[in-house]
C-alpha atoms as a PDB file:
ATOM      1  CA  MET A   1     107.986 125.577  82.459  1.00  0.00           C
ATOM      2  CA  PHE A   2     106.962 122.867  79.979  1.00  0.00           C
ATOM      3  CA  ALA A   3     110.456 122.227  78.600  1.00  0.00           C
ATOM      4  CA  ASN A   4     111.806 120.349  81.627  1.00  0.00           C
ATOM      5  CA  ILE A   5     108.718 118.307  82.507  1.00  0.00           C
ATOM      6  CA  SER A   6     109.284 114.623  83.190  1.00  0.00           C
ATOM      7  CA  PHE A   7     106.159 112.710  82.207  1.00  0.00           C
ATOM      8  CA  THR A   8     107.630 109.461  83.533  1.00  0.00           C
ATOM      9  CA  ARG A   9     107.987 110.672  87.110  1.00  0.00           C
ATOM     10  CA  ASN A  10     105.561 109.025  89.529  1.00  0.00           C
ATOM     11  CA  SER A  11     104.377 110.717  92.723  1.00  0.00           C
ATOM     12  CA  PRO A  12     102.502 108.988  95.570  1.00  0.00           C
ATOM     13  CA  PHE A  13      99.335 110.637  94.224  1.00  0.00           C
ATOM     14  CA  SER A  14      99.933 108.932  90.877  1.00  0.00           C
ATOM     15  CA  PHE A  15      99.838 105.506  92.484  1.00  0.00           C
ATOM     16  CA  ILE A  16      96.635 106.436  94.349  1.00  0.00           C
ATOM     17  CA  GLU A  17      95.055 107.720  91.145  1.00  0.00           C
ATOM     18  CA  TYR A  18      95.891 104.616  89.128  1.00  0.00           C
ATOM     19  CA  ALA A  19      94.860 102.299  91.960  1.00  0.00           C
ATOM     20  CA  PHE A  20      91.385 103.866  91.900  1.00  0.00           C
ATOM     21  CA  GLN A  21      91.266 103.556  88.111  1.00  0.00           C
ATOM     22  CA  ALA A  22      92.273  99.889  88.298  1.00  0.00           C
ATOM     23  CA  TYR A  23      89.447  99.344  90.773  1.00  0.00           C
ATOM     24  CA  TYR A  24      86.905 101.032  88.470  1.00  0.00           C
ATOM     25  CA  ALA A  25      88.121  99.065  85.444  1.00  0.00           C
ATOM     26  CA  THR A  26      87.701  95.818  87.379  1.00  0.00           C
ATOM     27  CA  VAL A  27      84.183  96.707  88.521  1.00  0.00           C
ATOM     28  CA  PHE A  28      83.118  97.711  85.000  1.00  0.00           C
ATOM     29  CA  LEU A  29      84.535  94.502  83.532  1.00  0.00           C
ATOM     30  CA  MET A  30      82.934  92.237  86.155  1.00  0.00           C
ATOM     31  CA  VAL A  31      79.511  93.855  85.702  1.00  0.00           C
ATOM     32  CA  TRP A  32      79.880  93.670  81.916  1.00  0.00           C
ATOM     33  CA  LEU A  33      80.759  89.957  81.970  1.00  0.00           C
ATOM     34  CA  HIS A  34      78.779  88.711  84.975  1.00  0.00           C
ATOM     35  CA  PRO A  35      76.026  91.193  85.906  1.00  0.00           C
ATOM     36  CA  GLU A  36      74.035  88.434  87.631  1.00  0.00           C
ATOM     37  CA  GLU A  37      76.660  88.343  90.394  1.00  0.00           C
ATOM     38  CA  HIS A  38      76.009  91.981  91.321  1.00  0.00           C
ATOM     39  CA  ASN A  39      73.101  94.070  92.480  1.00  0.00           C
ATOM     40  CA  VAL A  40      71.107  95.201  89.461  1.00  0.00           C
ATOM     41  CA  SER A  41      71.262  98.810  90.724  1.00  0.00           C
ATOM     42  CA  LEU A  42      75.027  98.800  90.113  1.00  0.00           C
ATOM     43  CA  ILE A  43      74.389  98.632  86.357  1.00  0.00           C
ATOM     44  CA  ASN A  44      72.478 101.911  86.486  1.00  0.00           C
ATOM     45  CA  ASP A  45      75.027 103.504  88.810  1.00  0.00           C
ATOM     46  CA  LEU A  46      77.962 102.681  86.512  1.00  0.00           C
ATOM     47  CA  ALA A  47      76.099 104.066  83.513  1.00  0.00           C
ATOM     48  CA  ILE A  48      75.400 107.290  85.431  1.00  0.00           C
ATOM     49  CA  LEU A  49      79.023 107.375  86.572  1.00  0.00           C
ATOM     50  CA  MET A  50      80.262 107.539  82.986  1.00  0.00           C
ATOM     51  CA  ALA A  51      77.772 110.296  82.176  1.00  0.00           C
ATOM     52  CA  PHE A  52      78.916 112.196  85.280  1.00  0.00           C
ATOM     53  CA  GLU A  53      82.536 111.838  84.173  1.00  0.00           C
ATOM     54  CA  PHE A  54      81.617 114.106  81.256  1.00  0.00           C
ATOM     55  CA  ILE A  55      81.413 116.920  83.821  1.00  0.00           C
ATOM     56  CA  MET A  56      84.158 115.855  86.176  1.00  0.00           C
ATOM     57  CA  VAL A  57      86.822 115.150  83.534  1.00  0.00           C
ATOM     58  CA  HIS A  58      87.272 118.913  83.260  1.00  0.00           C
ATOM     59  CA  SER A  59      87.883 119.318  86.991  1.00  0.00           C
ATOM     60  CA  GLY A  60      91.584 118.474  86.817  1.00  0.00           C
ATOM     61  CA  VAL A  61      92.163 121.099  84.139  1.00  0.00           C
ATOM     62  CA  PHE A  62      90.226 123.871  85.876  1.00  0.00           C
ATOM     63  CA  MET A  63      91.689 123.149  89.304  1.00  0.00           C
ATOM     64  CA  ALA A  64      95.221 123.192  87.913  1.00  0.00           C
ATOM     65  CA  VAL A  65      94.869 126.283  85.727  1.00  0.00           C
ATOM     66  CA  MET A  66      92.695 128.562  87.836  1.00  0.00           C
ATOM     67  CA  PRO A  67      93.974 130.566  90.829  1.00  0.00           C
ATOM     68  CA  LYS A  68      93.734 128.812  94.173  1.00  0.00           C
ATOM     69  CA  LYS A  69      90.999 131.047  95.637  1.00  0.00           C
ATOM     70  CA  LEU A  70      88.855 130.813  92.507  1.00  0.00           C
ATOM     71  CA  SER A  71      89.167 127.022  92.520  1.00  0.00           C
ATOM     72  CA  LEU A  72      88.300 126.785  96.192  1.00  0.00           C
ATOM     73  CA  PHE A  73      85.359 129.192  96.346  1.00  0.00           C
ATOM     74  CA  VAL A  74      83.865 128.853  92.853  1.00  0.00           C
ATOM     75  CA  PHE A  75      84.709 125.594  91.134  1.00  0.00           C
ATOM     76  CA  PHE A  76      84.705 123.359  94.208  1.00  0.00           C
ATOM     77  CA  PRO A  77      81.112 124.355  95.216  1.00  0.00           C
ATOM     78  CA  MET A  78      80.032 124.123  91.569  1.00  0.00           C
ATOM     79  CA  TYR A  79      81.317 120.576  91.260  1.00  0.00           C
ATOM     80  CA  GLY A  80      79.692 119.876  94.602  1.00  0.00           C
ATOM     81  CA  LEU A  81      76.322 120.702  93.053  1.00  0.00           C
ATOM     82  CA  PHE A  82      77.023 118.283  90.215  1.00  0.00           C
ATOM     83  CA  ALA A  83      77.918 115.643  92.794  1.00  0.00           C
ATOM     84  CA  LEU A  84      74.610 116.301  94.568  1.00  0.00           C
ATOM     85  CA  ALA A  85      72.727 115.819  91.295  1.00  0.00           C
ATOM     86  CA  PHE A  86      74.687 112.625  90.711  1.00  0.00           C
ATOM     87  CA  HIS A  87      73.734 111.498  94.214  1.00  0.00           C
ATOM     88  CA  HIS A  88      70.031 111.738  93.347  1.00  0.00           C
ATOM     89  CA  SER A  89      70.562 109.830  90.089  1.00  0.00           C
ATOM     90  CA  VAL A  90      72.259 106.768  91.535  1.00  0.00           C
ATOM     91  CA  ILE A  91      70.501 104.035  93.468  1.00  0.00           C
ATOM     92  CA  ASN A  92      73.394 102.816  95.601  1.00  0.00           C
ATOM     93  CA  THR A  93      75.748 105.538  96.885  1.00  0.00           C
ATOM     94  CA  ASN A  94      78.763 103.299  97.570  1.00  0.00           C
ATOM     95  CA  ILE A  95      80.259 103.880  94.123  1.00  0.00           C
ATOM     96  CA  LEU A  96      79.607 107.612  94.548  1.00  0.00           C
ATOM     97  CA  TYR A  97      81.740 107.884  97.690  1.00  0.00           C
ATOM     98  CA  ILE A  98      84.618 105.994  96.082  1.00  0.00           C
ATOM     99  CA  TYR A  99      84.393 108.168  92.994  1.00  0.00           C
ATOM    100  CA  LEU A 100      84.421 111.375  95.046  1.00  0.00           C
ATOM    101  CA  LEU A 101      87.744 110.311  96.561  1.00  0.00           C
ATOM    102  CA  THR A 102      89.136 110.223  93.039  1.00  0.00           C
ATOM    103  CA  VAL A 103      87.729 113.671  92.302  1.00  0.00           C
ATOM    104  CA  LEU A 104      89.281 115.063  95.501  1.00  0.00           C
ATOM    105  CA  ASN A 105      92.632 113.630  94.399  1.00  0.00           C
ATOM    106  CA  ARG A 106      92.260 115.525  91.110  1.00  0.00           C
ATOM    107  CA  MET A 107      91.281 118.714  92.926  1.00  0.00           C
ATOM    108  CA  ARG A 108      94.137 118.665  95.429  1.00  0.00           C
ATOM    109  CA  PHE A 109      95.699 121.678  93.676  1.00  0.00           C
ATOM    110  CA  ALA A 110      92.900 123.817  95.105  1.00  0.00           C
ATOM    111  CA  PHE A 111      94.099 123.081  98.638  1.00  0.00           C
ATOM    112  CA  SER A 112      97.876 123.136  98.321  1.00  0.00           C
ATOM    113  CA  ASP A 113     100.718 124.945  96.601  1.00  0.00           C
ATOM    114  CA  VAL A 114     102.557 122.866  94.020  1.00  0.00           C
ATOM    115  CA  SER A 115     105.515 123.511  91.776  1.00  0.00           C
ATOM    116  CA  PRO A 116     104.953 124.829  88.220  1.00  0.00           C
ATOM    117  CA  GLU A 117     106.291 121.530  86.865  1.00  0.00           C
ATOM    118  CA  VAL A 118     103.737 119.442  88.780  1.00  0.00           C
ATOM    119  CA  ARG A 119     100.935 121.815  87.832  1.00  0.00           C
ATOM    120  CA  ALA A 120     101.902 121.701  84.150  1.00  0.00           C
ATOM    121  CA  LEU A 121     102.094 117.911  84.277  1.00  0.00           C
ATOM    122  CA  GLN A 122      98.585 117.731  85.742  1.00  0.00           C
ATOM    123  CA  ILE A 123      97.269 120.065  83.043  1.00  0.00           C
ATOM    124  CA  GLY A 124      98.750 117.836  80.343  1.00  0.00           C
ATOM    125  CA  LYS A 125      97.293 114.676  81.886  1.00  0.00           C
ATOM    126  CA  SER A 126      93.868 116.257  82.367  1.00  0.00           C
ATOM    127  CA  VAL A 127      93.724 117.516  78.781  1.00  0.00           C
ATOM    128  CA  ALA A 128      94.775 114.098  77.462  1.00  0.00           C
ATOM    129  CA  LYS A 129      92.123 112.416  79.616  1.00  0.00           C
ATOM    130  CA  ALA A 130      89.399 114.783  78.411  1.00  0.00           C
ATOM    131  CA  MET A 131      90.357 114.155  74.780  1.00  0.00           C
ATOM    132  CA  PHE A 132      90.351 110.396  75.377  1.00  0.00           C
ATOM    133  CA  TYR A 133      86.894 110.610  76.987  1.00  0.00           C
ATOM    134  CA  PHE A 134      85.387 112.528  74.069  1.00  0.00           C
ATOM    135  CA  PHE A 135      86.957 110.123  71.565  1.00  0.00           C
ATOM    136  CA  LEU A 136      85.497 107.146  73.428  1.00  0.00           C
ATOM    137  CA  ILE A 137      82.023 108.611  73.856  1.00  0.00           C
ATOM    138  CA  PHE A 138      81.737 109.243  70.125  1.00  0.00           C
ATOM    139  CA  ALA A 139      83.159 105.803  69.306  1.00  0.00           C
ATOM    140  CA  VAL A 140      80.781 103.847  71.568  1.00  0.00           C
ATOM    141  CA  SER A 141      77.762 105.998  70.697  1.00  0.00           C
ATOM    142  CA  PHE A 142      78.093 105.566  66.947  1.00  0.00           C
ATOM    143  CA  GLY A 143      79.400 102.002  67.178  1.00  0.00           C
ATOM    144  CA  ASN A 144      76.997 100.735  69.834  1.00  0.00           C
ATOM    145  CA  GLY A 145      75.636  98.145  67.409  1.00  0.00           C
ATOM    146  CA  ILE A 146      78.939  96.235  67.274  1.00  0.00           C
ATOM    147  CA  ILE A 147      79.763  96.373  71.001  1.00  0.00           C
ATOM    148  CA  PRO A 148      79.367  92.912  72.585  1.00  0.00           C
ATOM    149  CA  LYS A 149      76.710  92.766  75.294  1.00  0.00           C
ATOM    150  CA  PHE A 150      78.253  89.803  77.131  1.00  0.00           C
ATOM    151  CA  GLY A 151      76.096  89.367  80.241  1.00  0.00           C
ATOM    152  CA  LEU A 152      74.057  92.528  79.698  1.00  0.00           C
ATOM    153  CA  THR A 153      71.635  90.970  77.238  1.00  0.00           C
ATOM    154  CA  ASP A 154      68.061  92.158  76.741  1.00  0.00           C
ATOM    155  CA  GLU A 155      66.840  88.937  78.330  1.00  0.00           C
ATOM    156  CA  PHE A 156      68.894  89.522  81.472  1.00  0.00           C
ATOM    157  CA  LEU A 157      67.819  93.164  81.792  1.00  0.00           C
ATOM    158  CA  GLU A 158      64.156  92.174  81.500  1.00  0.00           C
ATOM    159  CA  LYS A 159      64.473  89.231  83.861  1.00  0.00           C
ATOM    160  CA  SER A 160      66.316  91.286  86.505  1.00  0.00           C
ATOM    161  CA  HIS A 161      63.719  94.113  86.274  1.00  0.00           C
ATOM    162  CA  TYR A 162      66.518  96.540  85.465  1.00  0.00           C
ATOM    163  CA  PHE A 163      64.211  98.981  83.669  1.00  0.00           C
ATOM    164  CA  ASP A 164      61.955  99.127  86.732  1.00  0.00           C
ATOM    165  CA  THR A 165      64.828 100.434  88.868  1.00  0.00           C
ATOM    166  CA  VAL A 166      66.301 103.157  86.627  1.00  0.00           C
ATOM    167  CA  LYS A 167      65.468 106.804  87.238  1.00  0.00           C
ATOM    168  CA  SER A 168      66.308 108.253  83.811  1.00  0.00           C
ATOM    169  CA  SER A 169      66.501 107.365  80.134  1.00  0.00           C
ATOM    170  CA  GLY A 170      68.781 107.700  77.123  1.00  0.00           C
ATOM    171  CA  LEU A 171      71.371 105.603  75.321  1.00  0.00           C
ATOM    172  CA  PHE A 172      73.529 105.045  78.390  1.00  0.00           C
ATOM    173  CA  ILE A 173      70.543 103.845  80.431  1.00  0.00           C
ATOM    174  CA  GLU A 174      68.610 101.903  77.801  1.00  0.00           C
ATOM    175  CA  LYS A 175      71.760 100.141  76.545  1.00  0.00           C
ATOM    176  CA  PRO A 176      73.922  99.873  79.678  1.00  0.00           C
ATOM    177  CA  TYR A 177      76.546  97.733  77.949  1.00  0.00           C
ATOM    178  CA  VAL A 178      77.540 100.869  75.993  1.00  0.00           C
ATOM    179  CA  PRO A 179      78.683 103.032  78.962  1.00  0.00           C
ATOM    180  CA  ILE A 180      79.990  99.997  80.846  1.00  0.00           C
ATOM    181  CA  SER A 181      82.201  98.952  77.929  1.00  0.00           C
ATOM    182  CA  MET A 182      83.315 102.565  77.635  1.00  0.00           C
ATOM    183  CA  GLY A 183      84.085 102.720  81.355  1.00  0.00           C
ATOM    184  CA  PHE A 184      86.211  99.596  81.191  1.00  0.00           C
ATOM    185  CA  ILE A 185      88.269 100.989  78.299  1.00  0.00           C
ATOM    186  CA  TYR A 186      88.419 104.506  79.775  1.00  0.00           C
ATOM    187  CA  TYR A 187      89.856 103.346  83.097  1.00  0.00           C
ATOM    188  CA  SER A 188      91.926 100.345  82.007  1.00  0.00           C
ATOM    189  CA  VAL A 189      93.961 101.942  79.187  1.00  0.00           C
ATOM    190  CA  PRO A 190      95.669 104.552  81.446  1.00  0.00           C
ATOM    191  CA  VAL A 191      96.423 101.838  84.028  1.00  0.00           C
ATOM    192  CA  LEU A 192      97.972  99.546  81.411  1.00  0.00           C
ATOM    193  CA  TYR A 193     100.041 102.445  80.069  1.00  0.00           C
ATOM    194  CA  PHE A 194     101.121 103.345  83.610  1.00  0.00           C
ATOM    195  CA  ILE A 195     102.252  99.747  84.237  1.00  0.00           C
ATOM    196  CA  TYR A 196     104.098  99.638  80.902  1.00  0.00           C
ATOM    197  CA  ARG A 197     105.762 102.987  81.616  1.00  0.00           C
ATOM    198  CA  THR A 198     106.783 101.915  85.132  1.00  0.00           C
ATOM    199  CA  ILE A 199     108.277  98.622  83.948  1.00  0.00           C
ATOM    200  CA  LYS A 200     110.105 100.371  81.102  1.00  0.00           C
ATOM    201  CA  SER A 201     111.449 103.035  83.477  1.00  0.00           C
ATOM    202  CA  PHE A 202     112.571 100.354  85.937  1.00  0.00           C
ATOM    203  CA  GLY A 203     114.402  98.497  83.171  1.00  0.00           C
ATOM    204  CA  ARG A 204     116.045 101.705  81.956  1.00  0.00           C
ATOM    205  CA  ASN A 205     117.209 102.634  85.478  1.00  0.00           C
ATOM    206  CA  LYS A 206     118.560  99.123  86.014  1.00  0.00           C
ATOM    207  CA  ASN A 207     120.442  99.254  82.709  1.00  0.00           C
ATOM    208  CA  ASN A 208     121.857 102.703  83.517  1.00  0.00           C
ATOM    209  CA  SER A 209     123.023 101.428  86.894  1.00  0.00           C
ATOM    210  CA  PHE A 210     124.698  98.458  85.195  1.00  0.00           C
ATOM    211  CA  GLN A 211     126.418 100.753  82.696  1.00  0.00           C
ATOM    212  CA  GLU A 212     127.674 102.985  85.510  1.00  0.00           C
ATOM    213  CA  GLU A 213     129.067  99.976  87.371  1.00  0.00           C
ATOM    214  CA  ARG A 214     130.850  98.832  84.211  1.00  0.00           C
ATOM    215  CA  LEU A 215     132.257 102.320  83.677  1.00  0.00           C
ATOM    216  CA  ILE A 216     133.539 102.511  87.245  1.00  0.00           C
ATOM    217  CA  PHE A 217     135.029  99.020  86.935  1.00  0.00           C
ATOM    218  CA  SER A 218     136.694  99.954  83.622  1.00  0.00           C
ATOM    219  CA  LYS A 219     138.136 103.151  85.085  1.00  0.00           C
ATOM    220  CA  THR A 220     139.446 101.302  88.143  1.00  0.00           C
ATOM    221  CA  THR A 221     141.016  98.533  86.034  1.00  0.00           C
ATOM    222  CA  TYR A 222     142.570 101.061  83.672  1.00  0.00           C
ATOM    223  CA  SER A 223     143.948 103.090  86.603  1.00  0.00           C
ATOM    224  CA  GLU A 224     145.483 100.023  88.234  1.00  0.00           C
ATOM    225  CA  LYS A 225     146.943  98.863  84.908  1.00  0.00           C
ATOM    226  CA  PHE A 226     148.384 102.343  84.283  1.00  0.00           C
ATOM    227  CA  LYS A 227     150.057 102.384  87.692  1.00  0.00           C
ATOM    228  CA  SER A 228     151.410  98.868  87.125  1.00  0.00           C
ATOM    229  CA  ASP A 229     152.880  99.838  83.737  1.00  0.00           C
ATOM    230  CA  LYS A 230     154.357 103.002  85.222  1.00  0.00           C
ATOM    231  CA  ARG A 231     156.332 101.014  87.763  1.00  0.00           C
END
């Protein structure tokens, strides 16, 4: 099942997935650089979003590996409870609804039958994403002192009354530039790799097409020359 997997094949769901990730990366970057242009509650919501991803990053793996009925009647309600808890943690629910669309795209295997190749591909992507998340969370947690704050300075957070709006505490809340920098990296790296892979695949296909045209032209020329010599 794993031997014939094409990791460069893009489905319509892939483009949807990476479009959402590009949107998240843009939001994280804009809030990181220019938080004054956004509602202060969005800072808290993005920090909570990255904490919530700790739970949801496993969803793609479980939904792909587990039997359909188990995914639908056990894991889907369980993740629904996590989403409800997330709902009570955020201030503005707009980012929550957008994020849930991404989660539903990951969980689509619970509602449809897919080929073993597609399922195996999703497992591989989900595992890689989980490993990338854990690497990043350790990196930003231990290296939070060297992460640039950009617009999320202590002065701005105090002036905007950010700490008066938050509903929880911890590193991600008290130093929001940490999860927001992590979110930007977490969502932008896969998108950049996807773009690179797509461009490279397009160039390879174009080159293969050119080689085939040359081969056909060479065969035709050789055939005509052979007939001419035969006469």
